[in-house]
């Protein structure tokens, strides 16, 4: 079985935000939540990099480790999902995640509240695949349709890659050989605990 992973090649990201827009539109994500966002590091300075950031669906997910109600689970494909029915909105996952993926859905005068929301790798949730209940809570289940996450499919420069981790590592390795260096695999080691072959 394939181990699904994300890789953002920071050497290719042009900060167009197509990945962010695609995610919000595909899943009808409410205002105030960004399951994916583009962050610019060293903005305006030499060495500036843009990175498309979301849940990386970590091998040993820290969000799952700190959840007091065990609402996080990992699918056979290695996708880290959560149950909004079980979630109590404590926010521990938000603080544990090195990518800032889990978010509160509501912002109010006295802080934020509600059940946590996060990137689902376009894989839905614990409800039966392709049902209205699943769509309302988690958005489109593209994985059940045999498709990859829309954010990666809409990336015009192919900076954001999604799919089988072995295939992604091979694609990145070819890029490294072509350009002669490999510093752009942002988040891979943090999320998956291994290096991309360079």
N, C-alpha and C. Protein backbone atom coordinates (compact mmCIF):
# COMPACT_ATOMS: atom_id res chain seq x y z
N UNK A 1 0.84 -1.18 0.00
CA UNK A 1 0.00 0.00 0.00
C UNK A 1 0.89 1.25 0.00
N UNK A 2 0.51 2.24 -0.77
CA UNK A 2 1.27 3.49 -0.89
C UNK A 2 1.17 4.29 0.41
N UNK A 3 2.25 4.96 0.74
CA UNK A 3 2.29 5.87 1.90
C UNK A 3 2.20 7.29 1.33
N UNK A 4 1.03 7.92 1.50
CA UNK A 4 0.79 9.24 0.92
C UNK A 4 1.57 10.31 1.68
N UNK A 5 2.21 11.19 0.91
CA UNK A 5 2.99 12.27 1.50
C UNK A 5 2.84 13.55 0.67
N UNK A 6 3.16 14.68 1.30
CA UNK A 6 3.27 15.96 0.62
C UNK A 6 4.74 16.34 0.56
N UNK A 7 5.13 17.09 -0.46
CA UNK A 7 6.44 17.71 -0.51
C UNK A 7 6.27 19.07 -1.18
N UNK A 8 6.76 20.12 -0.53
CA UNK A 8 6.76 21.44 -1.16
C UNK A 8 8.20 21.78 -1.51
N UNK A 9 8.45 21.90 -2.80
CA UNK A 9 9.77 22.27 -3.31
C UNK A 9 9.85 23.79 -3.30
N UNK A 10 10.49 24.32 -2.25
CA UNK A 10 10.55 25.78 -2.07
C UNK A 10 11.30 26.48 -3.19
N UNK A 11 12.11 25.76 -3.95
CA UNK A 11 12.80 26.36 -5.09
C UNK A 11 11.87 26.63 -6.27
N UNK A 12 10.68 26.05 -6.23
CA UNK A 12 9.73 26.22 -7.33
C UNK A 12 8.52 27.07 -6.96
N UNK A 13 8.19 27.20 -5.68
CA UNK A 13 6.98 27.92 -5.27
C UNK A 13 7.09 29.41 -5.61
N UNK A 14 6.07 29.95 -6.28
CA UNK A 14 6.07 31.36 -6.69
C UNK A 14 5.04 32.18 -5.92
N UNK A 15 4.49 31.63 -4.85
CA UNK A 15 3.54 32.31 -3.97
C UNK A 15 2.29 32.80 -4.73
N UNK A 16 1.77 31.96 -5.62
CA UNK A 16 0.58 32.34 -6.39
C UNK A 16 -0.70 32.07 -5.62
N UNK A 17 -0.65 31.23 -4.59
CA UNK A 17 -1.79 30.88 -3.75
C UNK A 17 -2.87 30.07 -4.47
N UNK A 18 -2.54 29.46 -5.60
CA UNK A 18 -3.51 28.61 -6.29
C UNK A 18 -3.89 27.41 -5.41
N UNK A 19 -2.94 26.88 -4.66
CA UNK A 19 -3.20 25.75 -3.78
C UNK A 19 -4.20 26.12 -2.69
N UNK A 20 -4.06 27.32 -2.14
CA UNK A 20 -4.95 27.80 -1.08
C UNK A 20 -6.36 27.96 -1.64
N UNK A 21 -6.48 28.60 -2.78
CA UNK A 21 -7.78 28.85 -3.41
C UNK A 21 -8.45 27.54 -3.80
N UNK A 22 -7.69 26.62 -4.38
CA UNK A 22 -8.25 25.33 -4.79
C UNK A 22 -8.82 24.57 -3.60
N UNK A 23 -8.10 24.57 -2.49
CA UNK A 23 -8.55 23.88 -1.29
C UNK A 23 -9.84 24.50 -0.75
N UNK A 24 -9.85 25.82 -0.63
CA UNK A 24 -11.03 26.51 -0.09
C UNK A 24 -12.26 26.26 -0.96
N UNK A 25 -12.09 26.30 -2.28
CA UNK A 25 -13.23 26.11 -3.18
C UNK A 25 -13.70 24.66 -3.22
N UNK A 26 -12.77 23.72 -3.27
CA UNK A 26 -13.13 22.31 -3.38
C UNK A 26 -13.91 21.81 -2.16
N UNK A 27 -13.53 22.29 -0.98
CA UNK A 27 -14.12 21.79 0.25
C UNK A 27 -15.10 22.77 0.90
N UNK A 28 -15.31 23.91 0.25
CA UNK A 28 -16.17 24.96 0.81
C UNK A 28 -15.77 25.26 2.25
N UNK A 29 -14.48 25.49 2.44
CA UNK A 29 -13.92 25.79 3.76
C UNK A 29 -14.43 27.16 4.21
N UNK A 30 -14.94 27.26 5.43
CA UNK A 30 -15.51 28.53 5.91
C UNK A 30 -14.48 29.66 6.00
N UNK A 31 -14.97 30.87 5.94
CA UNK A 31 -14.15 32.06 6.08
C UNK A 31 -13.38 32.00 7.39
N UNK A 32 -12.10 32.34 7.36
CA UNK A 32 -11.28 32.33 8.57
C UNK A 32 -10.43 31.08 8.73
N UNK A 33 -10.76 30.02 7.99
CA UNK A 33 -9.96 28.80 8.06
C UNK A 33 -9.20 28.65 6.75
N UNK A 34 -7.93 28.35 6.88
CA UNK A 34 -7.10 28.02 5.71
C UNK A 34 -6.46 26.68 5.98
N UNK A 35 -6.98 25.64 5.39
CA UNK A 35 -6.37 24.32 5.55
C UNK A 35 -4.97 24.29 4.94
N UNK A 36 -4.75 25.15 3.98
CA UNK A 36 -3.43 25.31 3.35
C UNK A 36 -3.16 26.80 3.25
N UNK A 37 -1.91 27.19 3.45
CA UNK A 37 -1.51 28.59 3.32
C UNK A 37 -0.09 28.65 2.76
N UNK A 38 0.24 29.78 2.16
CA UNK A 38 1.58 29.98 1.64
C UNK A 38 2.30 30.95 2.56
N UNK A 39 3.45 30.54 3.05
CA UNK A 39 4.25 31.35 3.97
C UNK A 39 5.54 31.74 3.26
N UNK A 40 5.91 33.01 3.39
CA UNK A 40 7.17 33.47 2.81
C UNK A 40 8.19 33.66 3.92
N UNK A 41 9.35 33.05 3.74
CA UNK A 41 10.44 33.12 4.71
C UNK A 41 11.48 34.09 4.17
N UNK A 42 12.00 34.97 5.05
CA UNK A 42 12.97 36.00 4.66
C UNK A 42 12.41 36.92 3.57
N UNK A 43 11.18 37.36 3.76
CA UNK A 43 10.48 38.19 2.78
C UNK A 43 11.29 39.44 2.43
N UNK A 44 11.59 39.62 1.15
CA UNK A 44 12.31 40.78 0.66
C UNK A 44 13.81 40.73 0.83
N UNK A 45 14.33 39.65 1.37
CA UNK A 45 15.77 39.51 1.60
C UNK A 45 16.36 38.48 0.64
N UNK A 46 17.66 38.52 0.44
CA UNK A 46 18.28 37.47 -0.38
C UNK A 46 17.99 36.09 0.23
N UNK A 47 17.68 35.16 -0.61
CA UNK A 47 17.34 33.82 -0.13
C UNK A 47 15.88 33.65 0.23
N UNK A 48 15.04 34.60 -0.14
CA UNK A 48 13.60 34.52 0.15
C UNK A 48 13.03 33.23 -0.43
N UNK A 49 12.18 32.57 0.35
CA UNK A 49 11.54 31.33 -0.08
C UNK A 49 10.07 31.38 0.28
N UNK A 50 9.24 30.83 -0.58
CA UNK A 50 7.82 30.66 -0.28
C UNK A 50 7.54 29.17 -0.15
N UNK A 51 6.69 28.84 0.81
CA UNK A 51 6.39 27.45 1.11
C UNK A 51 4.89 27.28 1.26
N UNK A 52 4.32 26.32 0.55
CA UNK A 52 2.92 25.96 0.71
C UNK A 52 2.83 25.01 1.90
N UNK A 53 2.06 25.42 2.91
CA UNK A 53 2.07 24.70 4.18
C UNK A 53 0.66 24.25 4.57
N UNK A 54 0.58 23.01 5.02
CA UNK A 54 -0.66 22.43 5.55
C UNK A 54 -0.26 21.24 6.42
N UNK A 55 -1.23 20.45 6.79
CA UNK A 55 -0.92 19.22 7.51
C UNK A 55 -0.06 18.35 6.60
N UNK A 56 1.06 17.86 7.12
CA UNK A 56 1.95 17.01 6.34
C UNK A 56 1.65 15.53 6.52
N UNK A 57 0.64 15.20 7.34
CA UNK A 57 0.24 13.81 7.58
C UNK A 57 1.45 12.99 8.01
N UNK A 58 2.00 13.43 9.14
CA UNK A 58 3.26 12.92 9.67
C UNK A 58 3.22 11.42 9.96
N UNK A 59 4.37 10.81 9.89
CA UNK A 59 4.52 9.39 10.20
C UNK A 59 4.17 9.13 11.66
N UNK A 60 4.69 9.94 12.56
CA UNK A 60 4.40 9.82 13.99
C UNK A 60 3.77 11.14 14.41
N UNK A 61 2.50 11.34 14.09
CA UNK A 61 1.83 12.63 14.21
C UNK A 61 1.78 13.14 15.66
N UNK A 62 2.40 14.31 15.92
CA UNK A 62 2.37 14.85 17.28
C UNK A 62 0.97 15.28 17.70
N UNK A 63 0.11 15.64 16.75
CA UNK A 63 -1.27 16.03 17.09
C UNK A 63 -2.00 14.84 17.72
N UNK A 64 -1.79 13.66 17.16
CA UNK A 64 -2.44 12.45 17.68
C UNK A 64 -1.89 12.09 19.06
N UNK A 65 -0.60 12.35 19.27
CA UNK A 65 0.04 12.00 20.54
C UNK A 65 -0.51 12.80 21.71
N UNK A 66 -0.92 14.05 21.45
CA UNK A 66 -1.36 14.90 22.56
C UNK A 66 -2.88 14.98 22.71
N UNK A 67 -3.62 14.42 21.79
CA UNK A 67 -5.09 14.52 21.84
C UNK A 67 -5.64 13.71 23.01
N UNK A 68 -6.33 14.36 23.97
CA UNK A 68 -6.83 13.64 25.14
C UNK A 68 -8.02 12.73 24.85
N UNK A 69 -8.67 12.91 23.70
CA UNK A 69 -9.84 12.08 23.38
C UNK A 69 -9.60 11.15 22.19
N UNK A 70 -8.36 11.08 21.73
CA UNK A 70 -7.98 10.20 20.62
C UNK A 70 -8.85 10.36 19.39
N UNK A 71 -9.05 11.62 18.97
CA UNK A 71 -9.88 11.83 17.78
C UNK A 71 -9.07 11.71 16.49
N UNK A 72 -7.75 11.65 16.58
CA UNK A 72 -6.91 11.51 15.39
C UNK A 72 -6.65 10.03 15.10
N UNK A 73 -6.60 9.69 13.83
CA UNK A 73 -6.28 8.33 13.42
C UNK A 73 -5.56 8.39 12.07
N UNK A 74 -4.81 7.34 11.77
CA UNK A 74 -4.05 7.28 10.52
C UNK A 74 -4.64 6.18 9.66
N UNK A 75 -4.93 6.51 8.40
CA UNK A 75 -5.50 5.54 7.47
C UNK A 75 -4.41 4.58 6.98
N UNK A 76 -4.81 3.57 6.26
CA UNK A 76 -3.86 2.60 5.70
C UNK A 76 -2.90 3.28 4.72
N UNK A 77 -3.32 4.39 4.11
CA UNK A 77 -2.47 5.15 3.19
C UNK A 77 -1.53 6.11 3.90
N UNK A 78 -1.60 6.18 5.23
CA UNK A 78 -0.74 7.09 5.99
C UNK A 78 -1.29 8.50 6.13
N UNK A 79 -2.57 8.69 5.81
CA UNK A 79 -3.20 10.01 5.94
C UNK A 79 -3.72 10.17 7.36
N UNK A 80 -3.35 11.29 8.01
CA UNK A 80 -3.78 11.55 9.38
C UNK A 80 -5.09 12.35 9.34
N UNK A 81 -6.14 11.73 9.83
CA UNK A 81 -7.46 12.35 9.86
C UNK A 81 -7.94 12.47 11.30
N UNK A 82 -9.05 13.19 11.48
CA UNK A 82 -9.62 13.33 12.81
C UNK A 82 -11.13 13.27 12.74
N UNK A 83 -11.73 12.95 13.86
CA UNK A 83 -13.19 12.89 13.95
C UNK A 83 -13.69 14.15 14.63
N UNK A 84 -14.48 14.95 13.92
CA UNK A 84 -15.04 16.15 14.51
C UNK A 84 -16.09 15.83 15.56
N UNK A 85 -16.67 14.63 15.49
CA UNK A 85 -17.66 14.23 16.49
C UNK A 85 -16.99 13.96 17.84
N UNK A 86 -15.75 13.46 17.81
CA UNK A 86 -15.02 13.15 19.03
C UNK A 86 -14.27 14.36 19.59
N UNK A 87 -13.83 15.25 18.71
CA UNK A 87 -13.02 16.42 19.10
C UNK A 87 -13.75 17.28 20.14
N UNK A 88 -13.00 17.73 21.15
CA UNK A 88 -13.57 18.61 22.18
C UNK A 88 -13.07 20.05 22.06
N UNK A 89 -12.23 20.32 21.06
CA UNK A 89 -11.76 21.68 20.82
C UNK A 89 -10.79 22.21 21.85
N UNK A 90 -10.00 21.33 22.48
CA UNK A 90 -9.06 21.77 23.52
C UNK A 90 -7.88 22.55 22.95
N UNK A 91 -7.52 22.29 21.70
CA UNK A 91 -6.43 23.01 21.05
C UNK A 91 -5.04 22.44 21.26
N UNK A 92 -4.91 21.33 21.96
CA UNK A 92 -3.59 20.74 22.18
C UNK A 92 -2.91 20.41 20.86
N UNK A 93 -3.69 19.92 19.90
CA UNK A 93 -3.13 19.54 18.60
C UNK A 93 -2.53 20.75 17.89
N UNK A 94 -3.17 21.90 18.03
CA UNK A 94 -2.67 23.13 17.41
C UNK A 94 -1.27 23.45 17.92
N UNK A 95 -1.08 23.33 19.22
CA UNK A 95 0.22 23.66 19.82
C UNK A 95 1.27 22.59 19.55
N UNK A 96 0.86 21.34 19.35
CA UNK A 96 1.81 20.26 19.12
C UNK A 96 2.28 20.19 17.67
N UNK A 97 1.47 20.65 16.75
CA UNK A 97 1.78 20.51 15.32
C UNK A 97 2.89 21.47 14.90
N UNK A 98 3.99 20.95 14.32
CA UNK A 98 5.07 21.84 13.88
C UNK A 98 4.71 22.66 12.63
N UNK A 99 3.57 22.34 11.99
CA UNK A 99 3.15 23.03 10.78
C UNK A 99 1.95 23.94 11.00
N UNK A 100 1.44 23.99 12.22
CA UNK A 100 0.29 24.86 12.52
C UNK A 100 -0.96 24.45 11.77
N UNK A 101 -1.14 23.17 11.50
CA UNK A 101 -2.25 22.71 10.67
C UNK A 101 -3.62 22.76 11.34
N UNK A 102 -3.80 22.17 12.52
CA UNK A 102 -5.14 22.23 13.13
C UNK A 102 -5.50 23.67 13.49
N UNK A 103 -6.74 24.04 13.22
CA UNK A 103 -7.20 25.41 13.48
C UNK A 103 -8.59 25.39 14.09
N UNK A 104 -8.87 26.42 14.90
CA UNK A 104 -10.23 26.61 15.39
C UNK A 104 -11.06 27.22 14.26
N UNK A 105 -12.30 26.78 14.10
CA UNK A 105 -13.11 27.29 13.01
C UNK A 105 -13.78 28.63 13.27
N UNK A 106 -13.88 29.03 14.52
CA UNK A 106 -14.61 30.26 14.83
C UNK A 106 -13.74 31.23 15.62
N UNK A 107 -13.83 32.49 15.26
CA UNK A 107 -13.11 33.53 15.98
C UNK A 107 -14.14 34.46 16.59
N UNK A 108 -13.98 34.76 17.88
CA UNK A 108 -14.92 35.65 18.56
C UNK A 108 -14.19 36.70 19.36
N UNK A 109 -14.94 37.48 20.09
CA UNK A 109 -14.37 38.56 20.89
C UNK A 109 -13.44 38.06 21.99
N UNK A 110 -13.70 36.88 22.49
CA UNK A 110 -12.92 36.37 23.61
C UNK A 110 -12.07 35.17 23.22
N UNK A 111 -11.61 35.14 22.00
CA UNK A 111 -10.76 34.05 21.56
C UNK A 111 -11.45 33.20 20.52
N UNK A 112 -10.97 31.98 20.38
CA UNK A 112 -11.48 31.10 19.34
C UNK A 112 -12.05 29.84 19.96
N UNK A 113 -13.06 29.29 19.31
CA UNK A 113 -13.71 28.11 19.86
C UNK A 113 -14.22 27.21 18.74
N UNK A 114 -14.56 26.00 19.12
CA UNK A 114 -15.16 25.05 18.19
C UNK A 114 -14.30 23.83 18.01
N UNK A 115 -14.79 22.89 17.23
CA UNK A 115 -14.05 21.67 16.92
C UNK A 115 -12.95 22.01 15.93
N UNK A 116 -11.81 21.41 16.09
CA UNK A 116 -10.67 21.71 15.24
C UNK A 116 -10.93 21.29 13.79
N UNK A 117 -10.28 21.99 12.87
CA UNK A 117 -10.38 21.68 11.45
C UNK A 117 -8.95 21.60 10.92
N UNK A 118 -8.71 20.74 9.95
CA UNK A 118 -7.38 20.59 9.37
C UNK A 118 -7.47 19.99 7.99
N UNK A 119 -6.36 20.02 7.28
CA UNK A 119 -6.25 19.39 5.96
C UNK A 119 -6.57 17.90 6.09
N UNK A 120 -7.36 17.42 5.16
CA UNK A 120 -7.74 16.00 5.16
C UNK A 120 -7.04 15.22 4.05
N UNK A 121 -6.11 15.85 3.34
CA UNK A 121 -5.46 15.23 2.18
C UNK A 121 -6.52 14.84 1.15
N UNK A 122 -7.61 15.60 1.16
CA UNK A 122 -8.77 15.32 0.29
C UNK A 122 -9.26 13.89 0.47
N UNK A 123 -9.23 13.40 1.73
CA UNK A 123 -9.63 12.02 2.02
C UNK A 123 -10.86 11.94 2.91
N UNK A 124 -11.56 13.04 3.12
CA UNK A 124 -12.79 13.00 3.91
C UNK A 124 -12.54 12.78 5.39
N UNK A 125 -13.38 11.97 5.99
CA UNK A 125 -13.29 11.72 7.42
C UNK A 125 -13.79 10.32 7.75
N UNK A 126 -14.17 10.10 9.02
CA UNK A 126 -14.56 8.75 9.44
C UNK A 126 -15.92 8.28 8.92
N UNK A 127 -16.74 9.21 8.42
CA UNK A 127 -18.04 8.82 7.89
C UNK A 127 -17.86 7.97 6.63
N UNK A 128 -18.92 7.34 6.19
CA UNK A 128 -18.87 6.53 4.97
C UNK A 128 -18.46 7.40 3.79
N UNK A 129 -17.59 6.86 2.93
CA UNK A 129 -17.07 7.60 1.78
C UNK A 129 -18.18 8.11 0.88
N UNK A 130 -17.98 9.34 0.38
CA UNK A 130 -18.84 9.97 -0.62
C UNK A 130 -20.27 10.23 -0.14
N UNK A 131 -20.46 10.41 1.15
CA UNK A 131 -21.80 10.72 1.67
C UNK A 131 -21.92 12.22 1.94
N UNK A 132 -23.16 12.67 2.06
CA UNK A 132 -23.42 14.08 2.36
C UNK A 132 -22.85 14.45 3.74
N UNK A 133 -22.99 13.54 4.72
CA UNK A 133 -22.47 13.81 6.07
C UNK A 133 -20.97 14.02 6.05
N UNK A 134 -20.25 13.21 5.27
CA UNK A 134 -18.81 13.36 5.15
C UNK A 134 -18.45 14.69 4.49
N UNK A 135 -19.16 15.04 3.43
CA UNK A 135 -18.88 16.28 2.71
C UNK A 135 -19.11 17.51 3.59
N UNK A 136 -20.19 17.52 4.34
CA UNK A 136 -20.51 18.67 5.19
C UNK A 136 -19.42 18.91 6.23
N UNK A 137 -18.90 17.85 6.82
CA UNK A 137 -17.90 18.00 7.88
C UNK A 137 -16.47 18.16 7.35
N UNK A 138 -16.13 17.46 6.26
CA UNK A 138 -14.73 17.38 5.85
C UNK A 138 -14.45 17.80 4.42
N UNK A 139 -15.47 17.95 3.60
CA UNK A 139 -15.27 18.33 2.21
C UNK A 139 -15.21 17.13 1.29
N UNK A 140 -14.77 17.37 0.08
CA UNK A 140 -14.73 16.35 -0.96
C UNK A 140 -13.72 15.25 -0.63
N UNK A 141 -14.10 14.01 -0.92
CA UNK A 141 -13.21 12.87 -0.71
C UNK A 141 -12.64 12.46 -2.06
N UNK A 142 -11.62 13.18 -2.50
CA UNK A 142 -11.00 12.92 -3.81
C UNK A 142 -10.22 11.60 -3.81
N UNK A 143 -9.66 11.20 -2.67
CA UNK A 143 -8.92 9.95 -2.61
C UNK A 143 -9.84 8.76 -2.92
N UNK A 144 -11.08 8.81 -2.42
CA UNK A 144 -12.04 7.74 -2.70
C UNK A 144 -12.40 7.70 -4.18
N UNK A 145 -12.24 8.83 -4.87
CA UNK A 145 -12.52 8.90 -6.31
C UNK A 145 -11.29 8.49 -7.13
N UNK A 146 -10.18 8.18 -6.46
CA UNK A 146 -8.95 7.80 -7.15
C UNK A 146 -8.13 9.00 -7.60
N UNK A 147 -8.38 10.16 -7.00
CA UNK A 147 -7.67 11.39 -7.37
C UNK A 147 -6.74 11.82 -6.25
N UNK A 148 -5.78 12.68 -6.57
CA UNK A 148 -4.87 13.25 -5.58
C UNK A 148 -5.45 14.56 -5.04
N UNK A 149 -4.89 15.10 -3.96
CA UNK A 149 -5.38 16.38 -3.43
C UNK A 149 -5.34 17.48 -4.49
N UNK A 150 -6.39 18.28 -4.51
CA UNK A 150 -6.53 19.30 -5.54
C UNK A 150 -5.45 20.38 -5.42
N UNK A 151 -5.00 20.67 -4.21
CA UNK A 151 -3.96 21.70 -4.03
C UNK A 151 -2.74 21.38 -4.88
N UNK A 152 -2.30 20.12 -4.86
CA UNK A 152 -1.13 19.72 -5.64
C UNK A 152 -1.43 19.69 -7.13
N UNK A 153 -2.62 19.27 -7.49
CA UNK A 153 -2.97 19.22 -8.90
C UNK A 153 -3.05 20.61 -9.52
N UNK A 154 -3.39 21.62 -8.72
CA UNK A 154 -3.53 22.98 -9.24
C UNK A 154 -2.23 23.78 -9.20
N UNK A 155 -1.17 23.23 -8.64
CA UNK A 155 0.09 23.95 -8.54
C UNK A 155 0.71 24.09 -9.93
N UNK A 156 0.78 25.33 -10.42
CA UNK A 156 1.23 25.56 -11.80
C UNK A 156 2.71 25.27 -12.01
N UNK A 157 3.53 25.41 -10.98
CA UNK A 157 4.96 25.16 -11.11
C UNK A 157 5.35 23.76 -10.62
N UNK A 158 4.37 23.00 -10.17
CA UNK A 158 4.58 21.67 -9.59
C UNK A 158 5.55 21.72 -8.41
N UNK A 159 5.47 22.82 -7.65
CA UNK A 159 6.25 22.92 -6.42
C UNK A 159 5.64 22.03 -5.35
N UNK A 160 4.32 21.94 -5.33
CA UNK A 160 3.63 21.12 -4.34
C UNK A 160 3.32 19.76 -4.96
N UNK A 161 3.90 18.73 -4.37
CA UNK A 161 3.71 17.37 -4.84
C UNK A 161 2.94 16.57 -3.80
N UNK A 162 2.05 15.70 -4.25
CA UNK A 162 1.29 14.84 -3.35
C UNK A 162 1.16 13.48 -3.99
N UNK A 163 1.16 12.46 -3.15
CA UNK A 163 1.00 11.09 -3.65
C UNK A 163 1.88 10.11 -2.91
N UNK A 164 2.16 9.00 -3.55
CA UNK A 164 3.01 7.96 -2.98
C UNK A 164 4.38 8.55 -2.65
N UNK A 165 4.80 8.41 -1.41
CA UNK A 165 6.06 8.99 -0.95
C UNK A 165 7.27 8.55 -1.75
N UNK A 166 7.29 7.29 -2.20
CA UNK A 166 8.43 6.80 -2.98
C UNK A 166 8.50 7.49 -4.34
N UNK A 167 7.37 7.70 -4.96
CA UNK A 167 7.34 8.38 -6.26
C UNK A 167 7.74 9.84 -6.11
N UNK A 168 7.23 10.49 -5.07
CA UNK A 168 7.58 11.90 -4.82
C UNK A 168 9.08 12.04 -4.56
N UNK A 169 9.65 11.12 -3.80
CA UNK A 169 11.09 11.17 -3.53
C UNK A 169 11.89 11.03 -4.82
N UNK A 170 11.43 10.18 -5.73
CA UNK A 170 12.11 10.01 -7.02
C UNK A 170 12.03 11.28 -7.87
N UNK A 171 10.85 11.90 -7.89
CA UNK A 171 10.68 13.16 -8.64
C UNK A 171 11.63 14.22 -8.09
N UNK A 172 11.67 14.33 -6.76
CA UNK A 172 12.53 15.34 -6.15
C UNK A 172 14.01 15.03 -6.41
N UNK A 173 14.37 13.75 -6.38
CA UNK A 173 15.75 13.36 -6.64
C UNK A 173 16.17 13.77 -8.05
N UNK A 174 15.28 13.59 -9.02
CA UNK A 174 15.57 14.01 -10.40
C UNK A 174 15.76 15.52 -10.48
N UNK A 175 14.96 16.27 -9.74
CA UNK A 175 15.10 17.73 -9.72
C UNK A 175 16.44 18.14 -9.13
N UNK A 176 16.84 17.47 -8.06
CA UNK A 176 18.11 17.78 -7.40
C UNK A 176 19.28 17.52 -8.35
N UNK A 177 19.24 16.40 -9.05
CA UNK A 177 20.30 16.06 -9.99
C UNK A 177 20.36 17.11 -11.10
N UNK A 178 19.20 17.54 -11.59
CA UNK A 178 19.14 18.52 -12.68
C UNK A 178 19.68 19.87 -12.25
N UNK A 179 19.27 20.35 -11.07
CA UNK A 179 19.70 21.70 -10.67
C UNK A 179 20.98 21.71 -9.84
N UNK A 180 21.44 20.57 -9.38
CA UNK A 180 22.72 20.49 -8.71
C UNK A 180 22.72 20.73 -7.21
N UNK A 181 21.57 20.92 -6.61
CA UNK A 181 21.48 21.07 -5.16
C UNK A 181 20.08 20.66 -4.72
N UNK A 182 19.91 20.45 -3.41
CA UNK A 182 18.63 19.94 -2.94
C UNK A 182 18.14 20.49 -1.63
N UNK A 183 18.19 21.79 -1.47
CA UNK A 183 17.79 22.38 -0.19
C UNK A 183 16.31 22.73 -0.12
N UNK A 184 15.53 22.44 -1.16
CA UNK A 184 14.17 22.93 -1.20
C UNK A 184 13.09 22.01 -0.68
N UNK A 185 13.41 20.84 -0.15
CA UNK A 185 12.39 19.88 0.31
C UNK A 185 11.89 20.25 1.69
N UNK A 186 11.11 21.29 1.76
CA UNK A 186 10.70 21.83 3.03
C UNK A 186 9.75 20.89 3.78
N UNK A 187 10.04 20.63 5.05
CA UNK A 187 9.15 19.89 5.94
C UNK A 187 9.23 18.38 5.87
N UNK A 188 9.92 17.83 4.90
CA UNK A 188 9.94 16.38 4.70
C UNK A 188 10.51 15.66 5.92
N UNK A 189 11.68 16.08 6.38
CA UNK A 189 12.33 15.39 7.50
C UNK A 189 11.53 15.54 8.80
N UNK A 190 10.97 16.72 9.03
CA UNK A 190 10.17 16.96 10.23
C UNK A 190 8.95 16.05 10.25
N UNK A 191 8.28 15.94 9.11
CA UNK A 191 7.04 15.17 9.05
C UNK A 191 7.25 13.66 9.01
N UNK A 192 8.23 13.22 8.25
CA UNK A 192 8.36 11.80 7.98
C UNK A 192 9.59 11.15 8.62
N UNK A 193 10.46 11.95 9.21
CA UNK A 193 11.60 11.42 9.94
C UNK A 193 12.71 10.85 9.08
N UNK A 194 12.62 11.02 7.78
CA UNK A 194 13.68 10.54 6.92
C UNK A 194 14.03 11.62 5.91
N UNK A 195 15.13 11.41 5.21
CA UNK A 195 15.54 12.41 4.22
C UNK A 195 15.13 11.95 2.83
N UNK A 196 14.96 12.92 1.95
CA UNK A 196 14.70 12.60 0.56
C UNK A 196 16.05 12.28 -0.06
N UNK A 197 16.15 11.21 -0.79
CA UNK A 197 17.42 10.84 -1.43
C UNK A 197 17.87 11.96 -2.34
N UNK A 198 19.04 12.52 -2.07
CA UNK A 198 19.55 13.62 -2.91
C UNK A 198 20.86 13.26 -3.55
